[in-house]
Amino acid sequence: THSLFMLFTPLEQFQIISIFSFKLFCLDFSLTNMLFINFIVILVFSSVIYFISSSNNIETTFFLIPSVWQTLVETIYETAAQLVFDNLNEEGEKFFPFIAVMFTFILFNNLIGLIPYSFTITSHLIVTFTLSFSIFIGVVSLCVQKYKLEMLSIFLPPNTPLALGFLLVPIELISYIFKPISLGVRLFANLMAGHTLLKVIVGFAWSMLLLEDLLAWFHTIPLLILVILMGLELGVAVIQAYVFTVLTCIYLTEATNISH
């Protein structure tokens, strides 16, 4: 009875379901809905790039007057490039491929998660933590490689008295460690909360529709709210991908430009 109850809860949309089970020794290589959506994201983006830039067909090459799909790709490209230039200047151009791929990956996963009966990968804490901690490890590695032991100066602001340093260093260290945690939790919490709210509104509208007489017509009220929330969630999906990328650029800036 517990499993049947969970099946109809708002959290059912976040369950990782095995589509094709395959185990080899102690390793599990099963195809899950999470992995399936990842394949779809890669396929959709690769198809868009191929069909608007293929040189085999003159109708699908890049034009000076762009098509709708070409405009979409150029907008994503320019957004990532602008983020790199605004935060890292010309020295950060080497990070552009990483920033562009990360922004595109999060954006497409967020948007595909809005499709009914789809799956939102970025609503899982393990995924967002993997992204944020991987970025954090890379940032620390860059900082150590460039500044060696001088990187410890980020925990002690310049011209700080020694007595005050014993208080500031632990605070700065804790805040530095919590950066990847806040980065991952922010993306996870916003998407999970929004999708859960949508599921609750849908269930409420369906329950009202099953009522008799004139009360059934009042289901249009939660449906109207649902339309508004879908627009809000669309904005959240884009904004959260943008915010995650901006914060990553800021962390890279702090790692590559330590003030002495």
Protein backbone atom coordinates (compact mmCIF):
# COMPACT_ATOMS: atom_id res chain seq x y z
CA THR A 1 0.00 0.00 0.00
CA HIS A 2 2.91 2.30 0.68
CA SER A 3 4.23 1.91 -2.89
CA LEU A 4 0.77 2.56 -4.33
CA PHE A 5 0.49 5.72 -2.26
CA MET A 6 3.89 6.98 -3.37
CA LEU A 7 2.93 6.40 -6.97
CA PHE A 8 0.39 9.21 -6.84
CA THR A 9 2.35 11.73 -4.78
CA PRO A 10 3.84 14.93 -6.25
CA LEU A 11 7.32 13.46 -5.71
CA GLU A 12 6.72 10.55 -8.08
CA GLN A 13 8.07 12.65 -10.96
CA PHE A 14 11.52 12.63 -9.35
CA GLN A 15 11.81 8.84 -9.04
CA ILE A 16 14.63 7.22 -10.99
CA ILE A 17 13.08 4.26 -12.83
CA SER A 18 15.02 1.47 -14.52
CA ILE A 19 13.90 1.07 -18.14
CA PHE A 20 16.30 -1.71 -19.09
CA SER A 21 18.13 -3.58 -16.34
CA PHE A 22 21.67 -4.79 -17.02
CA LYS A 23 24.19 -5.80 -14.37
CA LEU A 24 27.73 -7.05 -14.83
CA PHE A 25 29.39 -8.49 -11.75
CA CYS A 26 28.94 -5.81 -9.05
CA LEU A 27 28.32 -2.98 -11.53
CA ASP A 28 24.91 -1.73 -12.61
CA PHE A 29 24.70 -0.52 -16.23
CA SER A 30 20.91 -0.28 -16.32
CA LEU A 31 19.22 2.23 -18.62
CA THR A 32 17.22 4.60 -16.42
CA ASN A 33 14.89 7.47 -17.21
CA MET A 34 17.66 9.87 -16.09
CA LEU A 35 20.15 8.42 -18.57
CA PHE A 36 17.47 8.32 -21.28
CA ILE A 37 16.74 12.05 -20.88
CA ASN A 38 20.49 12.73 -21.04
CA PHE A 39 20.61 10.97 -24.40
CA ILE A 40 17.63 13.01 -25.59
CA VAL A 41 19.32 16.28 -24.57
CA ILE A 42 22.47 15.35 -26.46
CA LEU A 43 20.47 14.20 -29.48
CA VAL A 44 18.28 17.33 -29.60
CA PHE A 45 21.17 19.77 -29.33
CA SER A 46 23.35 17.82 -31.78
CA SER A 47 20.48 17.65 -34.26
CA VAL A 48 19.85 21.39 -34.03
CA ILE A 49 23.55 22.12 -34.63
CA TYR A 50 23.75 19.66 -37.53
CA PHE A 51 20.64 20.71 -39.40
CA ILE A 52 21.40 24.43 -39.29
CA SER A 53 25.11 24.15 -40.11
CA SER A 54 25.29 21.23 -42.53
CA SER A 55 27.24 22.11 -45.65
CA ASN A 56 25.61 19.30 -47.64
CA ASN A 57 22.39 21.18 -48.10
CA ILE A 58 22.42 24.85 -49.03
CA GLU A 59 19.07 25.33 -47.33
CA THR A 60 20.54 24.44 -43.93
CA THR A 61 23.80 26.39 -43.95
CA PHE A 62 24.40 29.46 -41.80
CA PHE A 63 23.03 32.62 -43.40
CA LEU A 64 23.63 36.29 -42.79
CA ILE A 65 19.89 36.49 -42.13
CA PRO A 66 19.46 33.70 -39.56
CA SER A 67 16.55 31.32 -39.26
CA VAL A 68 14.75 30.75 -35.97
CA TRP A 69 16.93 27.77 -35.01
CA GLN A 70 20.11 29.57 -36.02
CA THR A 71 19.06 32.52 -33.87
CA LEU A 72 18.54 30.17 -30.92
CA VAL A 73 22.02 28.67 -31.23
CA GLU A 74 23.63 32.06 -31.77
CA THR A 75 21.84 33.44 -28.69
CA ILE A 76 23.15 30.59 -26.52
CA TYR A 77 26.64 31.08 -27.97
CA GLU A 78 26.62 34.84 -27.45
CA THR A 79 25.27 34.52 -23.90
CA ALA A 80 28.06 32.14 -22.90
CA ALA A 81 30.67 34.29 -24.64
CA GLN A 82 29.39 37.45 -22.96
CA LEU A 83 29.47 35.78 -19.54
CA VAL A 84 33.09 34.75 -20.06
CA PHE A 85 34.15 38.19 -21.32
CA ASP A 86 32.31 40.14 -18.59
CA ASN A 87 33.70 38.08 -15.73
CA LEU A 88 37.02 36.71 -16.98
CA ASN A 89 38.00 39.24 -19.67
CA GLU A 90 40.19 38.10 -22.56
CA GLU A 91 42.31 35.87 -20.32
CA GLY A 92 39.29 33.69 -19.68
CA GLU A 93 38.62 32.83 -23.32
CA LYS A 94 40.25 29.43 -22.75
CA PHE A 95 37.35 28.61 -20.40
CA PHE A 96 34.71 29.41 -23.02
CA PRO A 97 34.17 25.80 -24.26
CA PHE A 98 33.62 24.61 -20.69
CA ILE A 99 31.25 27.49 -19.84
CA ALA A 100 29.29 27.07 -23.08
CA VAL A 101 28.85 23.30 -22.65
CA MET A 102 27.82 23.64 -19.01
CA PHE A 103 25.32 26.42 -19.74
CA THR A 104 23.82 24.47 -22.64
CA PHE A 105 23.62 21.22 -20.65
CA ILE A 106 21.82 22.81 -17.69
CA LEU A 107 19.53 24.93 -19.90
CA PHE A 108 18.36 22.06 -22.10
CA ASN A 109 17.86 19.73 -19.12
CA ASN A 110 15.79 22.39 -17.34
CA LEU A 111 13.63 23.03 -20.40
CA ILE A 112 13.08 19.36 -21.27
CA GLY A 113 12.04 18.78 -17.67
CA LEU A 114 9.05 21.08 -18.25
CA ILE A 115 7.57 18.68 -20.81
CA PRO A 116 4.76 16.58 -19.25
CA TYR A 117 5.79 13.03 -18.30
CA SER A 118 9.41 13.98 -18.80
CA PHE A 119 12.20 13.87 -16.21
CA THR A 120 14.17 16.77 -14.76
CA ILE A 121 17.76 15.69 -14.21
CA THR A 122 18.78 18.90 -12.48
CA SER A 123 16.09 18.40 -9.81
CA HIS A 124 18.25 15.68 -8.25
CA LEU A 125 20.73 16.73 -5.61
CA ILE A 126 23.32 14.15 -6.67
CA VAL A 127 23.45 15.67 -10.17
CA THR A 128 23.72 19.30 -9.05
CA PHE A 129 26.27 18.38 -6.36
CA THR A 130 28.34 16.48 -8.92
CA LEU A 131 28.38 19.57 -11.14
CA SER A 132 29.15 22.03 -8.34
CA PHE A 133 31.83 19.95 -6.60
CA SER A 134 33.51 19.14 -9.92
CA ILE A 135 33.67 22.86 -10.64
CA PHE A 136 34.94 23.54 -7.11
CA ILE A 137 37.74 20.94 -7.45
CA GLY A 138 38.72 22.41 -10.82
CA VAL A 139 38.76 25.95 -9.43
CA VAL A 140 40.92 24.95 -6.47
CA SER A 141 43.28 23.05 -8.78
CA LEU A 142 43.68 26.12 -11.01
CA CYS A 143 44.31 28.32 -8.00
CA VAL A 144 46.97 25.98 -6.58
CA GLN A 145 48.62 25.57 -9.96
CA LYS A 146 48.90 29.31 -10.50
CA TYR A 147 49.60 30.65 -7.01
CA LYS A 148 50.89 27.63 -5.02
CA LEU A 149 50.81 28.44 -1.29
CA GLU A 150 49.94 32.08 -2.00
CA MET A 151 46.35 30.96 -2.57
CA LEU A 152 45.95 30.82 1.21
CA SER A 153 45.81 34.62 1.14
CA ILE A 154 42.16 34.41 0.03
CA PHE A 155 41.29 33.39 3.59
CA LEU A 156 42.87 36.51 5.08
CA PRO A 157 41.93 39.94 3.68
CA PRO A 158 44.82 42.38 3.10
CA ASN A 159 45.97 44.64 5.98
CA THR A 160 44.11 42.54 8.55
CA PRO A 161 45.47 42.67 12.14
CA LEU A 162 46.84 39.36 13.41
CA ALA A 163 44.38 39.20 16.30
CA LEU A 164 41.44 39.68 13.93
CA GLY A 165 42.91 37.09 11.57
CA PHE A 166 42.20 34.25 14.04
CA LEU A 167 38.52 35.13 13.72
CA LEU A 168 38.35 35.87 9.98
CA VAL A 169 40.29 32.85 8.70
CA PRO A 170 37.80 30.22 10.01
CA ILE A 171 34.88 32.30 8.75
CA GLU A 172 36.43 32.70 5.28
CA LEU A 173 37.34 29.00 5.18
CA ILE A 174 33.80 27.91 6.03
CA SER A 175 32.28 30.31 3.48
CA TYR A 176 34.71 29.03 0.84
CA ILE A 177 33.79 25.41 1.53
CA PHE A 178 30.07 26.20 1.38
CA LYS A 179 30.33 27.71 -2.11
CA PRO A 180 29.86 24.42 -4.01
CA ILE A 181 27.11 23.37 -1.58
CA SER A 182 25.12 26.56 -2.13
CA LEU A 183 25.75 26.34 -5.89
CA GLY A 184 24.28 22.83 -6.10
CA VAL A 185 21.44 23.36 -3.62
CA ARG A 186 20.26 26.55 -5.37
CA LEU A 187 19.70 24.78 -8.69
CA PHE A 188 18.19 21.66 -7.11
CA ALA A 189 15.84 23.50 -4.72
CA ASN A 190 14.40 25.93 -7.28
CA LEU A 191 13.58 23.26 -9.85
CA MET A 192 12.29 20.67 -7.40
CA ALA A 193 10.06 23.17 -5.59
CA GLY A 194 8.61 24.52 -8.84
CA HIS A 195 7.91 21.10 -10.33
CA THR A 196 6.36 19.87 -7.09
CA LEU A 197 4.05 22.89 -7.01
CA LEU A 198 2.97 22.25 -10.61
CA LYS A 199 2.17 18.63 -9.76
CA VAL A 200 0.11 19.69 -6.72
CA ILE A 201 -1.90 22.20 -8.79
CA VAL A 202 -2.55 19.57 -11.48
CA GLY A 203 -3.79 17.08 -8.87
CA PHE A 204 -6.03 19.71 -7.31
CA ALA A 205 -7.53 20.63 -10.70
CA TRP A 206 -8.18 16.97 -11.51
CA SER A 207 -9.88 16.40 -8.12
CA MET A 208 -12.18 19.38 -8.72
CA LEU A 209 -13.02 18.11 -12.21
CA LEU A 210 -14.32 14.86 -10.70
CA LEU A 211 -16.80 16.73 -8.53
CA GLU A 212 -20.46 16.83 -9.49
CA ASP A 213 -22.75 19.67 -10.57
CA LEU A 214 -21.40 23.20 -10.92
CA LEU A 215 -18.42 22.63 -8.64
CA ALA A 216 -16.66 20.80 -11.47
CA TRP A 217 -16.48 24.04 -13.47
CA PHE A 218 -14.30 25.60 -10.80
CA HIS A 219 -11.40 23.41 -11.94
CA THR A 220 -10.69 26.15 -14.50
CA ILE A 221 -9.32 28.32 -11.67
CA PRO A 222 -6.36 26.01 -10.80
CA LEU A 223 -5.85 25.42 -14.52
CA LEU A 224 -5.46 29.17 -15.04
CA ILE A 225 -3.00 29.27 -12.14
CA LEU A 226 -1.17 26.34 -13.75
CA VAL A 227 -0.71 28.26 -17.00
CA ILE A 228 0.76 31.20 -15.09
CA LEU A 229 3.06 28.90 -13.11
CA MET A 230 4.25 27.21 -16.31
CA GLY A 231 5.37 30.60 -17.59
CA LEU A 232 7.08 31.24 -14.27
CA GLU A 233 8.83 27.86 -14.36
CA LEU A 234 10.00 28.55 -17.90
CA GLY A 235 11.67 31.71 -16.63
CA VAL A 236 13.12 29.86 -13.63
CA ALA A 237 14.59 27.18 -15.93
CA VAL A 238 16.44 29.81 -17.99
CA ILE A 239 17.42 32.02 -15.05
CA GLN A 240 18.80 29.15 -12.95
CA ALA A 241 21.00 27.98 -15.83
CA TYR A 242 22.20 31.57 -16.22
CA VAL A 243 22.82 32.03 -12.48
CA PHE A 244 24.73 28.75 -12.19
CA THR A 245 26.96 29.80 -15.08
CA VAL A 246 27.48 33.32 -13.72
CA LEU A 247 28.55 32.00 -10.32
CA THR A 248 30.92 29.54 -11.98
CA CYS A 249 32.52 32.42 -13.89
CA ILE A 250 32.84 34.40 -10.66
CA TYR A 251 34.55 31.48 -8.92
CA LEU A 252 36.95 31.12 -11.85
CA THR A 253 37.68 34.86 -11.64
CA GLU A 254 38.46 34.61 -7.94
CA ALA A 255 40.74 31.63 -8.57
CA THR A 256 42.72 33.26 -11.37
CA ASN A 257 42.92 36.80 -9.91
CA ILE A 258 44.02 36.72 -6.30
CA SER A 259 44.87 40.11 -4.89
CA HIS A 260 48.11 40.18 -2.95
